[in-house]
C-alpha atoms as a PDB file:
ATOM      1  CA  MET A   1      11.868 -12.018  -4.842  1.00  0.00           C
ATOM      2  CA  THR A   2      10.848 -10.981  -1.355  1.00  0.00           C
ATOM      3  CA  LEU A   3      12.322  -7.912   0.310  1.00  0.00           C
ATOM      4  CA  THR A   4      11.911  -7.213   4.017  1.00  0.00           C
ATOM      5  CA  LEU A   5      11.884  -4.006   6.055  1.00  0.00           C
ATOM      6  CA  HIS A   6      11.430  -3.583   9.808  1.00  0.00           C
ATOM      7  CA  THR A   7       9.983  -0.727  11.851  1.00  0.00           C
ATOM      8  CA  SER A   8       9.981  -0.118  15.574  1.00  0.00           C
ATOM      9  CA  SER A   9       7.063   2.324  15.929  1.00  0.00           C
ATOM     10  CA  GLU A  10       3.949   3.667  14.207  1.00  0.00           C
ATOM     11  CA  HIS A  11       5.944   6.752  13.281  1.00  0.00           C
ATOM     12  CA  ALA A  12       8.652   4.582  11.674  1.00  0.00           C
ATOM     13  CA  THR A  13       5.998   2.722   9.679  1.00  0.00           C
ATOM     14  CA  GLU A  14       4.647   6.046   8.445  1.00  0.00           C
ATOM     15  CA  ARG A  15       8.195   7.157   7.481  1.00  0.00           C
ATOM     16  CA  LEU A  16       8.533   4.087   5.255  1.00  0.00           C
ATOM     17  CA  GLY A  17       5.348   5.191   3.495  1.00  0.00           C
ATOM     18  CA  THR A  18       6.711   8.714   3.089  1.00  0.00           C
ATOM     19  CA  ARG A  19       9.865   7.357   1.452  1.00  0.00           C
ATOM     20  CA  LEU A  20       7.800   5.253  -0.927  1.00  0.00           C
ATOM     21  CA  ALA A  21       5.662   8.254  -1.896  1.00  0.00           C
ATOM     22  CA  ALA A  22       8.684  10.045  -3.357  1.00  0.00           C
ATOM     23  CA  LEU A  23       9.085   7.216  -5.899  1.00  0.00           C
ATOM     24  CA  LEU A  24       5.454   6.712  -6.932  1.00  0.00           C
ATOM     25  CA  ARG A  25       4.180   7.292 -10.455  1.00  0.00           C
ATOM     26  CA  VAL A  26       0.707   7.299 -11.974  1.00  0.00           C
ATOM     27  CA  GLY A  27      -0.645   3.766 -12.201  1.00  0.00           C
ATOM     28  CA  ASP A  28       1.329   2.267  -9.316  1.00  0.00           C
ATOM     29  CA  VAL A  29      -0.705  -0.232  -7.289  1.00  0.00           C
ATOM     30  CA  VAL A  30       0.197  -1.422  -3.798  1.00  0.00           C
ATOM     31  CA  ALA A  31      -1.818  -4.165  -2.106  1.00  0.00           C
ATOM     32  CA  LEU A  32      -1.544  -4.240   1.676  1.00  0.00           C
ATOM     33  CA  SER A  33      -2.406  -7.123   3.935  1.00  0.00           C
ATOM     34  CA  GLY A  34      -1.887  -8.075   7.553  1.00  0.00           C
ATOM     35  CA  ASP A  35      -3.907  -8.612  10.694  1.00  0.00           C
ATOM     36  CA  LEU A  36      -6.165  -5.946  12.169  1.00  0.00           C
ATOM     37  CA  GLY A  37      -3.922  -3.383  13.837  1.00  0.00           C
ATOM     38  CA  ALA A  38      -0.828  -4.392  11.885  1.00  0.00           C
ATOM     39  CA  GLY A  39      -0.256  -0.875  10.580  1.00  0.00           C
ATOM     40  CA  LYS A  40      -1.746  -0.778   7.079  1.00  0.00           C
ATOM     41  CA  THR A  41      -3.462   2.569   7.600  1.00  0.00           C
ATOM     42  CA  HIS A  42      -0.422   4.063   9.340  1.00  0.00           C
ATOM     43  CA  PHE A  43       1.639   3.098   6.327  1.00  0.00           C
ATOM     44  CA  VAL A  44      -0.853   4.811   3.980  1.00  0.00           C
ATOM     45  CA  LYS A  45      -0.804   7.900   6.240  1.00  0.00           C
ATOM     46  CA  GLY A  46       2.918   8.124   5.530  1.00  0.00           C
ATOM     47  CA  VAL A  47       2.345   7.749   1.798  1.00  0.00           C
ATOM     48  CA  ALA A  48      -0.255  10.516   1.935  1.00  0.00           C
ATOM     49  CA  ALA A  49       2.113  12.807   3.833  1.00  0.00           C
ATOM     50  CA  GLY A  50       4.808  12.136   1.240  1.00  0.00           C
ATOM     51  CA  LEU A  51       2.375  12.993  -1.544  1.00  0.00           C
ATOM     52  CA  GLY A  52       1.475  16.272   0.166  1.00  0.00           C
ATOM     53  CA  VAL A  53      -2.077  15.306   1.098  1.00  0.00           C
ATOM     54  CA  PRO A  54      -3.236  18.049   3.482  1.00  0.00           C
ATOM     55  CA  GLU A  55      -6.154  16.321   5.237  1.00  0.00           C
ATOM     56  CA  PRO A  56      -6.017  13.512   7.813  1.00  0.00           C
ATOM     57  CA  VAL A  57      -6.027   9.983   6.428  1.00  0.00           C
ATOM     58  CA  THR A  58      -8.196   7.360   8.090  1.00  0.00           C
ATOM     59  CA  SER A  59      -9.124   3.806   7.236  1.00  0.00           C
ATOM     60  CA  PRO A  60     -11.759   3.694   4.484  1.00  0.00           C
ATOM     61  CA  THR A  61     -13.363   0.573   5.997  1.00  0.00           C
ATOM     62  CA  PHE A  62     -16.923   1.898   5.890  1.00  0.00           C
ATOM     63  CA  ASN A  63     -16.462   3.886   2.670  1.00  0.00           C
ATOM     64  CA  ILE A  64     -14.501   1.222   0.738  1.00  0.00           C
ATOM     65  CA  LEU A  65     -12.664   4.010  -1.156  1.00  0.00           C
ATOM     66  CA  LEU A  66     -11.348   7.386  -0.053  1.00  0.00           C
ATOM     67  CA  VAL A  67      -9.685   9.772  -2.497  1.00  0.00           C
ATOM     68  CA  HIS A  68      -6.978  12.149  -1.307  1.00  0.00           C
ATOM     69  CA  MET A  69      -5.497  14.851  -3.514  1.00  0.00           C
ATOM     70  CA  GLY A  70      -1.752  15.490  -3.359  1.00  0.00           C
ATOM     71  CA  ARG A  71       1.126  15.497  -5.860  1.00  0.00           C
ATOM     72  CA  LEU A  72      -0.723  12.519  -7.310  1.00  0.00           C
ATOM     73  CA  PRO A  73      -4.266  11.461  -6.456  1.00  0.00           C
ATOM     74  CA  LEU A  74      -4.169   8.759  -3.777  1.00  0.00           C
ATOM     75  CA  TYR A  75      -6.895   6.138  -4.103  1.00  0.00           C
ATOM     76  CA  HIS A  76      -7.136   4.399  -0.722  1.00  0.00           C
ATOM     77  CA  PHE A  77      -9.237   1.234  -0.837  1.00  0.00           C
ATOM     78  CA  ASP A  78     -10.276  -1.050   2.001  1.00  0.00           C
ATOM     79  CA  LEU A  79     -11.755  -4.332   0.786  1.00  0.00           C
ATOM     80  CA  TYR A  80     -12.368  -5.803   4.252  1.00  0.00           C
ATOM     81  CA  ARG A  81     -16.171  -5.500   4.120  1.00  0.00           C
ATOM     82  CA  LEU A  82     -16.588  -6.824   0.573  1.00  0.00           C
ATOM     83  CA  GLU A  83     -17.715 -10.416   0.245  1.00  0.00           C
ATOM     84  CA  HIS A  84     -17.422 -11.032  -3.497  1.00  0.00           C
ATOM     85  CA  ALA A  85     -15.073  -9.799  -6.226  1.00  0.00           C
ATOM     86  CA  GLU A  86     -18.134  -8.794  -8.256  1.00  0.00           C
ATOM     87  CA  GLN A  87     -18.725  -5.985  -5.735  1.00  0.00           C
ATOM     88  CA  LEU A  88     -15.573  -4.296  -7.060  1.00  0.00           C
ATOM     89  CA  GLU A  89     -17.547  -3.302 -10.155  1.00  0.00           C
ATOM     90  CA  ASP A  90     -19.859  -1.184  -7.974  1.00  0.00           C
ATOM     91  CA  ILE A  91     -16.943   1.063  -6.971  1.00  0.00           C
ATOM     92  CA  ASP A  92     -15.317   1.190 -10.446  1.00  0.00           C
ATOM     93  CA  PHE A  93     -12.295  -0.560  -8.962  1.00  0.00           C
ATOM     94  CA  TRP A  94     -10.545  -1.313 -12.252  1.00  0.00           C
ATOM     95  CA  GLY A  95     -11.266   2.103 -13.734  1.00  0.00           C
ATOM     96  CA  THR A  96      -9.819   3.743 -10.646  1.00  0.00           C
ATOM     97  CA  LEU A  97      -6.652   1.608 -10.765  1.00  0.00           C
ATOM     98  CA  GLU A  98      -6.105   2.680 -14.371  1.00  0.00           C
ATOM     99  CA  SER A  99      -6.799   6.385 -13.767  1.00  0.00           C
ATOM    100  CA  ASP A 100      -4.574   9.339 -12.937  1.00  0.00           C
ATOM    101  CA  GLY A 101      -3.229   8.390  -9.515  1.00  0.00           C
ATOM    102  CA  VAL A 102      -1.747   5.716  -7.285  1.00  0.00           C
ATOM    103  CA  SER A 103      -3.798   3.028  -5.563  1.00  0.00           C
ATOM    104  CA  PHE A 104      -3.262   1.541  -2.109  1.00  0.00           C
ATOM    105  CA  ILE A 105      -5.520  -1.398  -1.338  1.00  0.00           C
ATOM    106  CA  GLU A 106      -5.924  -2.522   2.263  1.00  0.00           C
ATOM    107  CA  TRP A 107      -6.953  -6.175   2.497  1.00  0.00           C
ATOM    108  CA  GLY A 108      -5.794  -6.592  -1.098  1.00  0.00           C
ATOM    109  CA  ASP A 109      -5.313 -10.294  -0.453  1.00  0.00           C
ATOM    110  CA  ARG A 110      -9.092 -10.812  -0.312  1.00  0.00           C
ATOM    111  CA  PHE A 111      -9.406 -10.771  -4.113  1.00  0.00           C
ATOM    112  CA  PRO A 112      -5.926 -11.392  -5.573  1.00  0.00           C
ATOM    113  CA  GLU A 113      -7.418 -12.392  -8.920  1.00  0.00           C
ATOM    114  CA  ALA A 114      -8.839  -8.869  -9.291  1.00  0.00           C
ATOM    115  CA  LEU A 115      -5.498  -7.121  -8.839  1.00  0.00           C
ATOM    116  CA  PRO A 116      -3.376  -6.003 -11.785  1.00  0.00           C
ATOM    117  CA  GLN A 117      -0.528  -8.262 -12.793  1.00  0.00           C
ATOM    118  CA  ASP A 118       2.138  -5.620 -12.057  1.00  0.00           C
ATOM    119  CA  ARG A 119       1.677  -4.633  -8.424  1.00  0.00           C
ATOM    120  CA  MET A 120       3.582  -4.501  -5.186  1.00  0.00           C
ATOM    121  CA  GLU A 121       2.178  -6.592  -2.364  1.00  0.00           C
ATOM    122  CA  ILE A 122       3.178  -5.709   1.184  1.00  0.00           C
ATOM    123  CA  VAL A 123       2.307  -7.989   4.076  1.00  0.00           C
ATOM    124  CA  ILE A 124       2.684  -6.252   7.429  1.00  0.00           C
ATOM    125  CA  HIS A 125       3.422  -8.585  10.317  1.00  0.00           C
ATOM    126  CA  ARG A 126       2.988  -7.401  13.884  1.00  0.00           C
ATOM    127  CA  GLU A 127       5.911  -8.882  15.782  1.00  0.00           C
ATOM    128  CA  ASP A 128       5.164  -7.169  19.097  1.00  0.00           C
ATOM    129  CA  VAL A 129       3.469  -3.997  20.354  1.00  0.00           C
ATOM    130  CA  ASP A 130       5.767  -1.690  18.366  1.00  0.00           C
ATOM    131  CA  THR A 131       7.751  -3.804  15.910  1.00  0.00           C
ATOM    132  CA  ARG A 132       6.530  -4.522  12.388  1.00  0.00           C
ATOM    133  CA  ARG A 133       8.048  -6.617   9.604  1.00  0.00           C
ATOM    134  CA  LEU A 134       7.064  -5.659   6.076  1.00  0.00           C
ATOM    135  CA  GLU A 135       7.383  -8.387   3.440  1.00  0.00           C
ATOM    136  CA  ILE A 136       7.481  -6.797  -0.003  1.00  0.00           C
ATOM    137  CA  ASN A 137       6.589  -8.920  -3.013  1.00  0.00           C
ATOM    138  CA  PRO A 138       6.607  -7.178  -6.401  1.00  0.00           C
ATOM    139  CA  SER A 139       5.007  -9.002  -9.309  1.00  0.00           C
ATOM    140  CA  GLY A 140       6.035  -7.174 -12.467  1.00  0.00           C
ATOM    141  CA  PRO A 141       8.714  -4.955 -13.981  1.00  0.00           C
ATOM    142  CA  ARG A 142       7.474  -1.605 -12.649  1.00  0.00           C
ATOM    143  CA  SER A 143       6.663  -2.901  -9.157  1.00  0.00           C
ATOM    144  CA  SER A 144      10.007  -4.733  -8.991  1.00  0.00           C
ATOM    145  CA  GLN A 145      11.935  -1.569  -9.793  1.00  0.00           C
ATOM    146  CA  LEU A 146       9.778   0.416  -7.369  1.00  0.00           C
ATOM    147  CA  ALA A 147      10.396  -2.113  -4.577  1.00  0.00           C
ATOM    148  CA  VAL A 148      14.164  -2.168  -5.119  1.00  0.00           C
ATOM    149  CA  ASP A 149      14.386   1.641  -5.257  1.00  0.00           C
ATOM    150  CA  TRP A 150      12.195   2.027  -2.173  1.00  0.00           C
ATOM    151  CA  VAL A 151      14.103  -0.470  -0.072  1.00  0.00           C
ATOM    152  CA  ALA A 152      17.383   1.158  -1.121  1.00  0.00           C
ATOM    153  CA  ALA A 153      15.990   4.561  -0.063  1.00  0.00           C
ATOM    154  CA  CYS A 154      15.188   3.022   3.329  1.00  0.00           C
ATOM    155  CA  GLY A 155      18.759   1.878   3.872  1.00  0.00           C
ATOM    156  CA  GLY A 156      18.775  -1.553   2.316  1.00  0.00           C
ATOM    157  CA  PRO A 157      16.844  -4.802   2.499  1.00  0.00           C
ATOM    158  CA  GLU A 158      16.843  -8.203   3.893  1.00  0.00           C
ATOM    159  CA  VAL A 159      16.265 -10.257   0.755  1.00  0.00           C
ATOM    160  CA  SER A 160      14.934 -13.774   0.398  1.00  0.00           C
ATOM    161  CA  ALA A 161      14.174 -15.731  -2.734  1.00  0.00           C
END
């Protein structure tokens, strides 16, 4: 199942993240992919706002992982600079995913074999300067329910098999 949402501005992309945040539970994992500048970090900014994170959220490209405290801890990964899945052990990737918060993984498509089986994958496509298309692909029971609830909260999907 693939669900699709569209946005027409950075602010709209952030609002989608805010709506998702209201539905998140401990252990949820969202893998984000898309070209540079597609809006992955803007989306996570919205999630952070929805979780009540008080500080600014930036891309963790040079840190690999940034932790933000809100209603739930937000673990914000960026795997862009990693070359091998073995490097995930250095940042306690799997321990963090199984801890007390929610995990958002930019460039999650770099090491798909390292991701948990039940996760939501979102590919952000840049259609023009402002417009984004988000393809949402859940891969387990929790992520499927999360995706359906989120898309419903955003006003309904475009669905493709």
